[in-house]
N, C-alpha and C. Protein backbone atom coordinates (compact mmCIF):
# COMPACT_ATOMS: atom_id res chain seq x y z
N MET A 1 163.63 -54.58 185.79
CA MET A 1 163.32 -54.45 187.24
C MET A 1 163.37 -53.04 187.62
N ALA A 2 162.43 -52.60 188.48
CA ALA A 2 162.24 -51.28 188.85
C ALA A 2 163.39 -50.98 189.91
N GLU A 3 163.68 -49.61 189.91
CA GLU A 3 164.57 -49.18 190.72
C GLU A 3 164.27 -49.21 192.21
N SER A 4 165.25 -49.49 193.18
CA SER A 4 164.79 -49.72 194.56
C SER A 4 164.49 -48.31 195.13
N MET A 5 163.43 -48.20 195.89
CA MET A 5 163.02 -46.95 196.61
C MET A 5 163.89 -46.85 198.04
N LYS A 6 164.65 -45.72 197.98
CA LYS A 6 165.67 -45.54 199.20
C LYS A 6 164.88 -44.61 200.18
N VAL A 7 164.83 -45.20 201.43
CA VAL A 7 164.29 -44.45 202.42
C VAL A 7 165.31 -44.37 203.54
N VAL A 8 165.38 -43.28 204.23
CA VAL A 8 166.35 -43.00 205.42
C VAL A 8 165.54 -42.88 206.63
N THR A 9 166.26 -43.21 207.74
CA THR A 9 165.64 -42.93 209.13
C THR A 9 166.33 -41.88 209.76
N LEU A 10 165.60 -40.96 210.44
CA LEU A 10 166.23 -39.86 211.30
C LEU A 10 165.70 -40.29 212.80
N LEU A 11 166.57 -40.68 213.61
CA LEU A 11 166.33 -40.85 215.00
C LEU A 11 166.39 -39.82 215.87
N GLY A 12 165.24 -39.58 216.68
CA GLY A 12 165.28 -38.24 217.51
C GLY A 12 165.63 -38.69 218.92
N SER A 13 166.15 -39.86 219.26
CA SER A 13 166.68 -40.33 220.58
C SER A 13 168.08 -40.50 220.58
N LEU A 14 168.75 -40.23 221.74
CA LEU A 14 170.14 -40.38 221.82
C LEU A 14 170.46 -41.46 222.76
N ARG A 15 169.54 -42.02 223.58
CA ARG A 15 169.83 -42.93 224.40
C ARG A 15 170.17 -44.43 224.08
N LYS A 16 171.23 -44.80 224.59
CA LYS A 16 171.58 -46.28 224.18
C LYS A 16 170.64 -47.23 224.08
N GLY A 17 169.79 -47.42 225.00
CA GLY A 17 168.80 -48.40 224.90
C GLY A 17 167.34 -47.95 224.48
N SER A 18 167.38 -46.95 223.51
CA SER A 18 166.14 -46.27 223.19
C SER A 18 165.30 -47.21 222.56
N PHE A 19 163.90 -47.17 222.96
CA PHE A 19 162.85 -47.94 222.40
C PHE A 19 162.55 -47.60 220.93
N ASN A 20 162.81 -46.20 220.62
CA ASN A 20 162.61 -45.71 219.20
C ASN A 20 163.72 -46.22 218.35
N ALA A 21 164.91 -46.53 218.90
CA ALA A 21 166.09 -47.02 218.04
C ALA A 21 165.58 -48.44 217.66
N MET A 22 164.98 -49.15 218.65
CA MET A 22 164.56 -50.50 218.34
C MET A 22 163.46 -50.46 217.25
N VAL A 23 162.61 -49.61 217.24
CA VAL A 23 161.72 -49.50 216.20
C VAL A 23 162.47 -49.21 214.82
N ALA A 24 163.42 -48.30 214.78
CA ALA A 24 164.24 -48.05 213.70
C ALA A 24 164.93 -49.25 213.23
N ASN A 25 165.57 -49.92 214.06
CA ASN A 25 166.32 -51.22 213.72
C ASN A 25 165.46 -52.27 213.13
N THR A 26 164.13 -52.22 213.33
CA THR A 26 163.28 -53.13 212.83
C THR A 26 162.82 -52.88 211.30
N LEU A 27 162.65 -51.64 210.96
CA LEU A 27 162.20 -51.17 209.63
C LEU A 27 162.85 -51.83 208.47
N PRO A 28 164.15 -51.99 208.29
CA PRO A 28 164.69 -52.57 207.28
C PRO A 28 164.27 -53.99 207.00
N LYS A 29 163.96 -54.80 208.08
CA LYS A 29 163.59 -56.16 207.83
C LYS A 29 162.11 -56.26 207.47
N ILE A 30 161.24 -55.32 207.70
CA ILE A 30 159.81 -55.42 207.42
C ILE A 30 159.42 -54.48 206.16
N ALA A 31 160.42 -53.78 205.63
CA ALA A 31 160.08 -52.90 204.50
C ALA A 31 159.42 -53.70 203.20
N PRO A 32 158.60 -53.16 202.60
CA PRO A 32 157.88 -53.77 201.47
C PRO A 32 158.99 -54.17 200.40
N GLU A 33 158.71 -55.00 199.53
CA GLU A 33 159.51 -55.34 198.38
C GLU A 33 159.84 -54.15 197.70
N GLY A 34 161.11 -53.87 197.28
CA GLY A 34 161.57 -52.61 196.38
C GLY A 34 161.89 -51.52 197.24
N MET A 35 161.79 -51.47 198.54
CA MET A 35 162.30 -50.40 199.49
C MET A 35 163.33 -50.83 200.33
N THR A 36 164.52 -49.95 200.31
CA THR A 36 165.40 -50.25 201.24
C THR A 36 165.26 -49.11 202.34
N VAL A 37 165.76 -49.59 203.59
CA VAL A 37 165.69 -48.56 204.64
C VAL A 37 167.03 -48.51 205.28
N SER A 38 167.63 -47.42 205.50
CA SER A 38 168.95 -47.26 206.09
C SER A 38 168.89 -46.11 207.17
N ALA A 39 169.75 -46.12 208.11
CA ALA A 39 169.82 -45.12 209.10
C ALA A 39 170.72 -43.85 208.58
N LEU A 40 170.21 -42.71 208.93
CA LEU A 40 171.18 -41.57 208.94
C LEU A 40 172.09 -41.50 209.90
N PRO A 41 173.19 -40.78 209.93
CA PRO A 41 174.12 -40.61 211.07
C PRO A 41 173.36 -40.10 212.26
N SER A 42 173.83 -40.36 213.42
CA SER A 42 173.32 -39.86 214.71
C SER A 42 173.44 -38.41 214.72
N ILE A 43 172.43 -37.78 215.36
CA ILE A 43 172.38 -36.25 215.60
C ILE A 43 172.93 -35.93 216.92
N ARG A 44 173.69 -36.88 217.56
CA ARG A 44 174.33 -36.65 218.70
C ARG A 44 175.36 -35.48 218.74
N ASP A 45 176.16 -35.41 217.72
CA ASP A 45 177.33 -34.44 217.58
C ASP A 45 176.96 -33.24 216.91
N ILE A 46 175.76 -32.99 216.60
CA ILE A 46 175.42 -31.72 216.11
C ILE A 46 175.38 -30.56 217.15
N PRO A 47 176.28 -29.47 216.97
CA PRO A 47 176.10 -28.42 218.02
C PRO A 47 174.86 -27.73 217.95
N ILE A 48 174.53 -27.10 219.15
CA ILE A 48 173.33 -26.32 219.30
C ILE A 48 173.27 -25.21 218.23
N TYR A 49 172.20 -25.03 217.49
CA TYR A 49 172.02 -24.07 216.34
C TYR A 49 172.59 -22.68 216.91
N ASP A 50 173.43 -22.06 216.19
CA ASP A 50 173.81 -20.63 216.42
C ASP A 50 174.29 -19.96 215.10
N ALA A 51 173.40 -18.98 214.77
CA ALA A 51 173.78 -18.26 213.58
C ALA A 51 175.11 -17.77 213.39
N ASP A 52 175.80 -17.46 214.48
CA ASP A 52 177.31 -16.98 214.44
C ASP A 52 178.09 -17.98 213.98
N ILE A 53 177.86 -19.32 214.60
CA ILE A 53 178.67 -20.54 214.08
C ILE A 53 178.41 -20.64 212.52
N GLN A 54 177.17 -20.61 212.15
CA GLN A 54 176.88 -20.84 210.59
C GLN A 54 177.59 -19.84 209.81
N GLN A 55 177.55 -18.52 210.26
CA GLN A 55 178.27 -17.36 209.52
C GLN A 55 179.79 -17.55 209.55
N GLU A 56 180.28 -17.81 210.70
CA GLU A 56 181.68 -17.82 210.81
C GLU A 56 182.40 -19.19 210.42
N GLU A 57 181.77 -20.33 210.62
CA GLU A 57 182.32 -21.63 210.40
C GLU A 57 181.70 -22.42 209.30
N GLY A 58 180.45 -22.18 208.90
CA GLY A 58 179.60 -22.72 208.01
C GLY A 58 178.79 -23.85 208.74
N PHE A 59 178.41 -24.75 207.91
CA PHE A 59 177.56 -25.68 208.39
C PHE A 59 178.37 -26.90 208.89
N PRO A 60 178.05 -27.47 210.07
CA PRO A 60 178.87 -28.79 210.61
C PRO A 60 178.83 -29.82 209.53
N ALA A 61 179.87 -30.48 209.47
CA ALA A 61 180.07 -31.66 208.61
C ALA A 61 178.91 -32.61 208.87
N SER A 62 178.53 -32.93 210.18
CA SER A 62 177.50 -33.95 210.54
C SER A 62 176.11 -33.41 209.85
N VAL A 63 175.80 -32.08 209.79
CA VAL A 63 174.46 -31.55 209.20
C VAL A 63 174.59 -31.71 207.59
N GLU A 64 175.83 -31.40 207.14
CA GLU A 64 176.04 -31.67 205.70
C GLU A 64 175.78 -33.05 205.25
N ALA A 65 176.39 -33.99 206.04
CA ALA A 65 176.27 -35.44 205.77
C ALA A 65 174.72 -35.89 205.77
N ILE A 66 173.99 -35.40 206.81
CA ILE A 66 172.61 -35.91 206.95
C ILE A 66 171.83 -35.33 205.80
N ALA A 67 172.03 -33.99 205.45
CA ALA A 67 171.28 -33.34 204.34
C ALA A 67 171.58 -34.10 203.05
N GLU A 68 172.93 -34.40 202.80
CA GLU A 68 173.20 -35.00 201.63
C GLU A 68 172.45 -36.32 201.37
N GLN A 69 172.45 -37.08 202.47
CA GLN A 69 171.61 -38.46 202.27
C GLN A 69 170.23 -38.23 202.37
N ILE A 70 169.67 -37.35 202.83
CA ILE A 70 168.12 -36.88 202.69
C ILE A 70 167.94 -36.55 201.34
N ARG A 71 168.63 -35.61 200.66
CA ARG A 71 168.60 -35.24 199.35
C ARG A 71 168.44 -36.44 198.32
N ALA A 72 169.27 -37.53 198.66
CA ALA A 72 169.48 -38.70 197.82
C ALA A 72 168.33 -39.68 197.97
N ALA A 73 167.63 -39.54 199.12
CA ALA A 73 166.59 -40.40 199.44
C ALA A 73 165.30 -40.24 198.74
N ASP A 74 164.52 -41.18 198.56
CA ASP A 74 163.08 -40.93 198.13
C ASP A 74 162.17 -40.60 199.28
N GLY A 75 162.59 -40.89 200.33
CA GLY A 75 161.56 -40.58 201.59
C GLY A 75 162.38 -40.71 202.89
N VAL A 76 161.97 -40.00 203.85
CA VAL A 76 162.36 -39.99 205.26
C VAL A 76 161.49 -40.59 206.36
N VAL A 77 161.99 -41.38 207.12
CA VAL A 77 161.15 -41.64 208.43
C VAL A 77 161.75 -41.03 209.56
N ILE A 78 160.95 -40.36 210.23
CA ILE A 78 161.40 -39.73 211.46
C ILE A 78 160.82 -40.44 212.68
N ILE A 79 161.77 -41.08 213.47
CA ILE A 79 161.25 -41.89 214.56
C ILE A 79 161.74 -41.26 215.89
N THR A 80 160.85 -40.93 216.71
CA THR A 80 161.34 -40.14 217.78
C THR A 80 160.41 -40.42 219.07
N PRO A 81 160.97 -40.17 220.27
CA PRO A 81 160.16 -40.18 221.52
C PRO A 81 159.54 -38.82 221.68
N GLU A 82 158.81 -38.69 222.74
CA GLU A 82 158.18 -37.48 222.92
C GLU A 82 158.86 -36.98 224.37
N TYR A 83 159.21 -35.80 224.36
CA TYR A 83 159.82 -35.07 225.57
C TYR A 83 159.02 -33.91 226.01
N ASN A 84 158.50 -33.94 227.26
CA ASN A 84 157.80 -32.85 227.79
C ASN A 84 156.59 -32.46 226.80
N TYR A 85 155.91 -33.29 226.35
CA TYR A 85 154.74 -33.08 225.60
C TYR A 85 155.25 -32.54 224.06
N SER A 86 156.27 -32.85 223.72
CA SER A 86 156.84 -32.09 222.46
C SER A 86 158.08 -32.87 221.82
N VAL A 87 158.60 -32.31 220.85
CA VAL A 87 159.81 -32.74 220.25
C VAL A 87 161.14 -32.80 221.12
N PRO A 88 161.89 -33.79 220.95
CA PRO A 88 163.08 -33.83 221.75
C PRO A 88 164.10 -32.55 221.32
N GLY A 89 164.78 -31.97 222.19
CA GLY A 89 165.63 -30.80 221.76
C GLY A 89 166.57 -31.30 220.75
N GLY A 90 167.17 -32.44 220.90
CA GLY A 90 168.32 -32.66 219.69
C GLY A 90 167.71 -32.82 218.36
N LEU A 91 166.57 -33.37 218.29
CA LEU A 91 165.70 -33.61 217.11
C LEU A 91 165.40 -32.17 216.54
N LYS A 92 164.91 -31.31 217.36
CA LYS A 92 164.57 -29.91 216.94
C LYS A 92 165.80 -29.22 216.43
N ASN A 93 166.91 -29.40 217.14
CA ASN A 93 168.15 -28.69 216.79
C ASN A 93 168.65 -29.16 215.40
N ALA A 94 168.59 -30.59 215.30
CA ALA A 94 169.01 -30.98 213.89
C ALA A 94 168.17 -30.49 212.70
N ILE A 95 166.85 -30.34 212.98
CA ILE A 95 166.01 -29.84 211.92
C ILE A 95 166.17 -28.41 211.85
N ASP A 96 166.56 -27.64 212.81
CA ASP A 96 166.80 -26.18 212.70
C ASP A 96 168.03 -26.00 211.87
N TRP A 97 169.13 -26.69 212.10
CA TRP A 97 170.44 -26.64 211.18
C TRP A 97 169.81 -26.98 209.74
N LEU A 98 169.13 -28.06 209.54
CA LEU A 98 168.82 -28.64 208.20
C LEU A 98 167.92 -27.45 207.38
N SER A 99 167.15 -26.67 208.25
CA SER A 99 166.28 -25.73 207.67
C SER A 99 167.08 -24.39 207.14
N ARG A 100 168.25 -24.37 207.63
CA ARG A 100 169.09 -23.23 207.22
C ARG A 100 169.94 -23.37 205.88
N LEU A 101 169.99 -24.78 205.45
CA LEU A 101 170.69 -24.93 204.32
C LEU A 101 170.14 -24.34 202.91
N PRO A 102 170.90 -23.91 202.24
CA PRO A 102 170.41 -23.33 200.93
C PRO A 102 169.50 -24.19 200.14
N GLU A 103 169.95 -25.34 199.94
CA GLU A 103 169.11 -26.39 199.14
C GLU A 103 168.41 -27.23 200.28
N GLN A 104 167.24 -26.82 200.50
CA GLN A 104 166.43 -27.39 201.65
C GLN A 104 166.29 -29.01 201.43
N PRO A 105 166.83 -29.84 202.34
CA PRO A 105 166.81 -31.17 202.06
C PRO A 105 165.33 -31.85 202.17
N LEU A 106 164.55 -31.14 202.99
CA LEU A 106 163.27 -31.54 203.38
C LEU A 106 162.09 -31.09 202.48
N ALA A 107 162.27 -30.17 201.70
CA ALA A 107 161.41 -29.46 200.89
C ALA A 107 160.93 -30.52 199.83
N GLY A 108 159.69 -30.75 199.84
CA GLY A 108 158.99 -31.72 198.91
C GLY A 108 159.32 -33.07 199.07
N LYS A 109 159.91 -33.40 200.04
CA LYS A 109 160.32 -34.79 200.48
C LYS A 109 159.37 -35.39 201.22
N PRO A 110 158.91 -36.62 200.68
CA PRO A 110 157.92 -37.48 201.50
C PRO A 110 158.54 -37.82 202.87
N VAL A 111 157.90 -37.53 203.94
CA VAL A 111 158.23 -37.83 205.20
C VAL A 111 157.07 -38.60 206.11
N LEU A 112 157.45 -39.60 206.79
CA LEU A 112 156.77 -40.40 207.54
C LEU A 112 157.24 -40.20 208.92
N ILE A 113 156.28 -39.99 210.06
CA ILE A 113 156.63 -39.84 211.27
C ILE A 113 156.12 -41.10 212.21
N GLN A 114 156.98 -41.59 213.21
CA GLN A 114 156.77 -42.71 213.94
C GLN A 114 157.18 -42.25 215.29
N THR A 115 156.19 -42.28 216.34
CA THR A 115 156.57 -41.98 217.72
C THR A 115 156.30 -43.22 218.56
N SER A 116 157.13 -43.26 219.64
CA SER A 116 156.86 -44.33 220.59
C SER A 116 157.16 -43.87 221.95
N SER A 117 156.51 -44.31 222.99
CA SER A 117 156.80 -43.95 224.35
C SER A 117 156.25 -45.03 225.23
N MET A 118 156.67 -44.92 226.48
CA MET A 118 156.17 -45.91 227.58
C MET A 118 154.90 -45.76 227.89
N GLY A 119 154.37 -44.45 227.59
CA GLY A 119 153.04 -44.03 228.14
C GLY A 119 151.96 -44.79 227.00
N ALA A 120 150.71 -44.58 227.36
CA ALA A 120 149.66 -45.18 226.62
C ALA A 120 149.39 -44.44 225.29
N ILE A 121 149.75 -43.28 225.10
CA ILE A 121 149.49 -42.58 223.86
C ILE A 121 150.58 -42.47 222.87
N GLY A 122 151.79 -42.99 223.32
CA GLY A 122 152.73 -43.27 222.21
C GLY A 122 153.47 -42.11 221.68
N GLY A 123 153.42 -40.94 222.32
CA GLY A 123 154.03 -39.86 221.61
C GLY A 123 153.34 -38.87 220.76
N ALA A 124 151.89 -39.06 221.01
CA ALA A 124 151.06 -38.29 220.06
C ALA A 124 151.28 -36.92 220.02
N ARG A 125 151.53 -36.22 221.22
CA ARG A 125 151.70 -34.78 221.21
C ARG A 125 153.01 -34.35 220.47
N CYS A 126 154.04 -35.23 220.69
CA CYS A 126 155.34 -34.90 219.98
C CYS A 126 154.98 -34.96 218.34
N GLN A 127 154.25 -35.89 217.98
CA GLN A 127 153.91 -36.14 216.52
C GLN A 127 153.19 -34.89 216.01
N TYR A 128 152.22 -34.39 216.87
CA TYR A 128 151.40 -33.12 216.19
C TYR A 128 152.42 -31.96 216.12
N HIS A 129 153.19 -31.85 217.10
CA HIS A 129 154.30 -30.65 217.09
C HIS A 129 155.14 -30.87 216.00
N LEU A 130 155.78 -31.93 215.69
CA LEU A 130 156.62 -32.25 214.66
C LEU A 130 156.03 -31.92 213.27
N ARG A 131 154.75 -32.46 213.15
CA ARG A 131 153.96 -32.01 211.94
C ARG A 131 154.01 -30.52 211.56
N GLN A 132 153.81 -29.79 212.70
CA GLN A 132 153.66 -28.28 212.52
C GLN A 132 154.96 -27.78 212.10
N ILE A 133 156.20 -28.26 212.74
CA ILE A 133 157.45 -27.89 212.35
C ILE A 133 157.62 -28.13 210.81
N LEU A 134 157.44 -29.36 210.35
CA LEU A 134 157.66 -29.78 209.11
C LEU A 134 156.70 -29.02 208.10
N VAL A 135 155.75 -28.43 208.40
CA VAL A 135 154.93 -27.66 207.52
C VAL A 135 155.77 -26.50 206.94
N PHE A 136 156.52 -25.84 207.83
CA PHE A 136 157.27 -24.77 207.61
C PHE A 136 158.43 -25.06 206.54
N LEU A 137 158.95 -26.29 206.65
CA LEU A 137 159.99 -26.82 205.71
C LEU A 137 159.51 -27.29 204.54
N ASP A 138 158.15 -27.30 204.27
CA ASP A 138 157.50 -27.70 203.07
C ASP A 138 157.71 -29.27 202.79
N ALA A 139 157.94 -29.95 203.85
CA ALA A 139 158.07 -31.49 203.81
C ALA A 139 156.64 -32.04 203.49
N MET A 140 156.64 -33.02 202.74
CA MET A 140 155.29 -33.65 202.30
C MET A 140 155.01 -34.90 203.42
N VAL A 141 154.53 -34.41 204.43
CA VAL A 141 154.27 -35.60 205.61
C VAL A 141 152.94 -36.40 205.27
N MET A 142 153.07 -37.64 205.30
CA MET A 142 152.06 -38.64 205.12
C MET A 142 151.15 -38.46 206.31
N ASN A 143 149.95 -38.28 206.24
CA ASN A 143 148.98 -38.21 207.32
C ASN A 143 148.53 -39.50 207.84
N LYS A 144 148.18 -40.54 207.14
CA LYS A 144 147.74 -41.71 207.76
C LYS A 144 148.10 -42.93 206.84
N PRO A 145 148.31 -44.15 207.38
CA PRO A 145 148.16 -44.46 208.81
C PRO A 145 149.12 -43.89 209.63
N GLU A 146 148.96 -43.58 210.98
CA GLU A 146 149.76 -43.08 211.96
C GLU A 146 150.38 -44.22 212.66
N PHE A 147 151.58 -43.96 213.09
CA PHE A 147 152.11 -44.91 214.23
C PHE A 147 152.36 -44.26 215.54
N MET A 148 151.91 -44.47 216.58
CA MET A 148 152.22 -43.97 217.87
C MET A 148 152.27 -45.25 218.81
N GLY A 149 153.36 -45.74 218.97
CA GLY A 149 153.65 -46.84 219.67
C GLY A 149 153.53 -46.70 221.25
N GLY A 150 152.41 -47.00 221.86
CA GLY A 150 152.21 -46.70 223.23
C GLY A 150 152.63 -48.04 223.91
N VAL A 151 153.12 -47.84 224.99
CA VAL A 151 153.66 -48.98 226.03
C VAL A 151 154.76 -49.78 225.19
N ILE A 152 155.54 -49.05 224.48
CA ILE A 152 156.44 -49.69 223.55
C ILE A 152 157.50 -50.70 224.29
N GLN A 153 157.69 -50.35 225.51
CA GLN A 153 158.67 -51.11 226.33
C GLN A 153 158.34 -52.73 226.35
N ASN A 154 156.91 -52.87 226.16
CA ASN A 154 156.38 -54.33 226.24
C ASN A 154 156.33 -54.79 224.86
N LYS A 155 156.79 -54.21 223.80
CA LYS A 155 156.60 -54.67 222.41
C LYS A 155 158.00 -54.89 221.63
N VAL A 156 159.09 -54.80 222.47
CA VAL A 156 160.46 -54.88 221.93
C VAL A 156 161.18 -55.90 222.71
N ASP A 157 162.38 -56.36 222.19
CA ASP A 157 163.27 -57.25 222.77
C ASP A 157 164.56 -56.48 222.89
N PRO A 158 164.92 -56.00 224.25
CA PRO A 158 166.05 -55.41 224.46
C PRO A 158 167.42 -56.08 224.04
N GLN A 159 167.17 -57.41 224.00
CA GLN A 159 168.41 -58.25 223.58
C GLN A 159 168.69 -58.22 222.19
N THR A 160 167.67 -58.11 221.42
CA THR A 160 167.97 -58.21 219.88
C THR A 160 167.79 -56.74 219.39
N GLY A 161 167.27 -55.81 220.18
CA GLY A 161 167.00 -54.38 219.78
C GLY A 161 166.09 -54.15 218.76
N GLU A 162 164.89 -55.04 218.69
CA GLU A 162 164.03 -54.81 217.64
C GLU A 162 162.53 -55.12 218.29
N VAL A 163 161.63 -54.72 217.56
CA VAL A 163 160.21 -54.90 217.94
C VAL A 163 159.90 -56.54 217.78
N VAL A 164 159.20 -57.00 218.74
CA VAL A 164 158.81 -58.50 218.70
C VAL A 164 157.37 -58.67 218.70
N ASP A 165 156.47 -57.66 219.15
CA ASP A 165 155.08 -57.84 219.22
C ASP A 165 154.50 -57.86 217.75
N GLN A 166 153.91 -58.91 217.38
CA GLN A 166 153.29 -59.24 215.96
C GLN A 166 152.23 -58.05 215.67
N SER A 167 151.39 -57.56 216.51
CA SER A 167 150.49 -56.63 216.07
C SER A 167 151.24 -55.54 215.73
N THR A 168 152.32 -54.91 216.46
CA THR A 168 153.09 -53.78 216.21
C THR A 168 153.72 -53.99 214.95
N LEU A 169 154.44 -55.02 214.66
CA LEU A 169 155.12 -55.34 213.45
C LEU A 169 154.16 -55.17 212.23
N ASP A 170 153.02 -55.72 212.35
CA ASP A 170 151.95 -55.62 211.29
C ASP A 170 151.65 -54.28 211.05
N HIS A 171 151.46 -53.52 212.10
CA HIS A 171 150.96 -52.03 211.91
C HIS A 171 152.16 -51.38 211.11
N LEU A 172 153.54 -51.59 211.75
CA LEU A 172 154.60 -50.84 211.04
C LEU A 172 154.75 -51.34 209.60
N SER A 173 154.68 -52.53 209.35
CA SER A 173 154.80 -53.06 207.91
C SER A 173 153.76 -52.44 207.04
N GLY A 174 152.50 -52.31 207.59
CA GLY A 174 151.49 -51.76 206.75
C GLY A 174 151.67 -50.23 206.43
N GLN A 175 152.27 -49.64 207.54
CA GLN A 175 152.54 -48.04 207.41
C GLN A 175 153.52 -47.95 206.39
N LEU A 176 154.64 -48.80 206.35
CA LEU A 176 155.74 -48.69 205.35
C LEU A 176 155.05 -48.90 203.92
N THR A 177 154.21 -49.86 203.68
CA THR A 177 153.66 -50.18 202.54
C THR A 177 152.86 -48.95 201.97
N ALA A 178 152.17 -48.45 202.79
CA ALA A 178 151.39 -47.05 202.46
C ALA A 178 152.36 -45.90 202.29
N PHE A 179 153.48 -45.92 202.95
CA PHE A 179 154.52 -44.84 202.74
C PHE A 179 155.02 -45.10 201.24
N SER A 180 155.36 -46.41 200.91
CA SER A 180 155.88 -46.70 199.57
C SER A 180 154.84 -46.02 198.38
N LYS A 181 153.59 -46.39 198.60
CA LYS A 181 152.61 -45.86 197.74
C LYS A 181 152.32 -44.25 197.67
N TYR A 182 152.64 -43.63 198.89
CA TYR A 182 152.66 -42.29 199.13
C TYR A 182 153.84 -41.53 198.36
N ILE A 183 154.89 -42.26 198.51
CA ILE A 183 156.18 -41.76 197.88
C ILE A 183 155.92 -41.66 196.21
N GLN A 184 155.39 -42.79 195.86
CA GLN A 184 155.06 -42.79 194.38
C GLN A 184 154.12 -41.73 193.93
N ARG A 185 153.18 -41.55 194.75
CA ARG A 185 152.25 -40.47 194.37
C ARG A 185 152.76 -38.98 194.47
N VAL A 186 153.64 -38.80 195.50
CA VAL A 186 154.36 -37.39 195.59
C VAL A 186 155.29 -37.19 194.37
N LYS A 187 155.82 -38.36 194.03
CA LYS A 187 156.96 -38.14 192.87
C LYS A 187 156.35 -38.15 191.54
N ALA A 188 155.09 -38.57 191.47
CA ALA A 188 154.36 -38.68 190.03
C ALA A 188 154.21 -37.16 189.42
């Protein structure tokens, strides 16, 4: 039996009722056979990046924990809303901390981006900015199929905290299957 492919999710939203968290919560149930999906710790407690803190105190334990799990994973799914046409500050801050680690956890790592929003274009502008950021970190971002979940509030069940719209589920499932194949190509 083949070894299970381990994928971790990095959530860019801090909101309790986050639609993007609902997308993230759905992924383990729709992952293709042989893939396990688990959540990384929240980015909520990561302090604002400050080189003085890094130099005087080292890396926060929360950053080290996330980095360790990313290094151990076969791939990373970043699931995030769009803030002001771009990447949420908390997510950018977490990436800034991760980028300073001596052993870059995202370098050469297969990464999948998923964005969702209440608007029609589903966080497209955020996705493009995030791709630019990840280029510098030498992450191996899968280009397509993309997932930009527009009008996501109509596609989730706030009671269960998961995606319920069948078309969206099919798209997400197909994207995870493509990501599984992408990971295999990158690792070959």
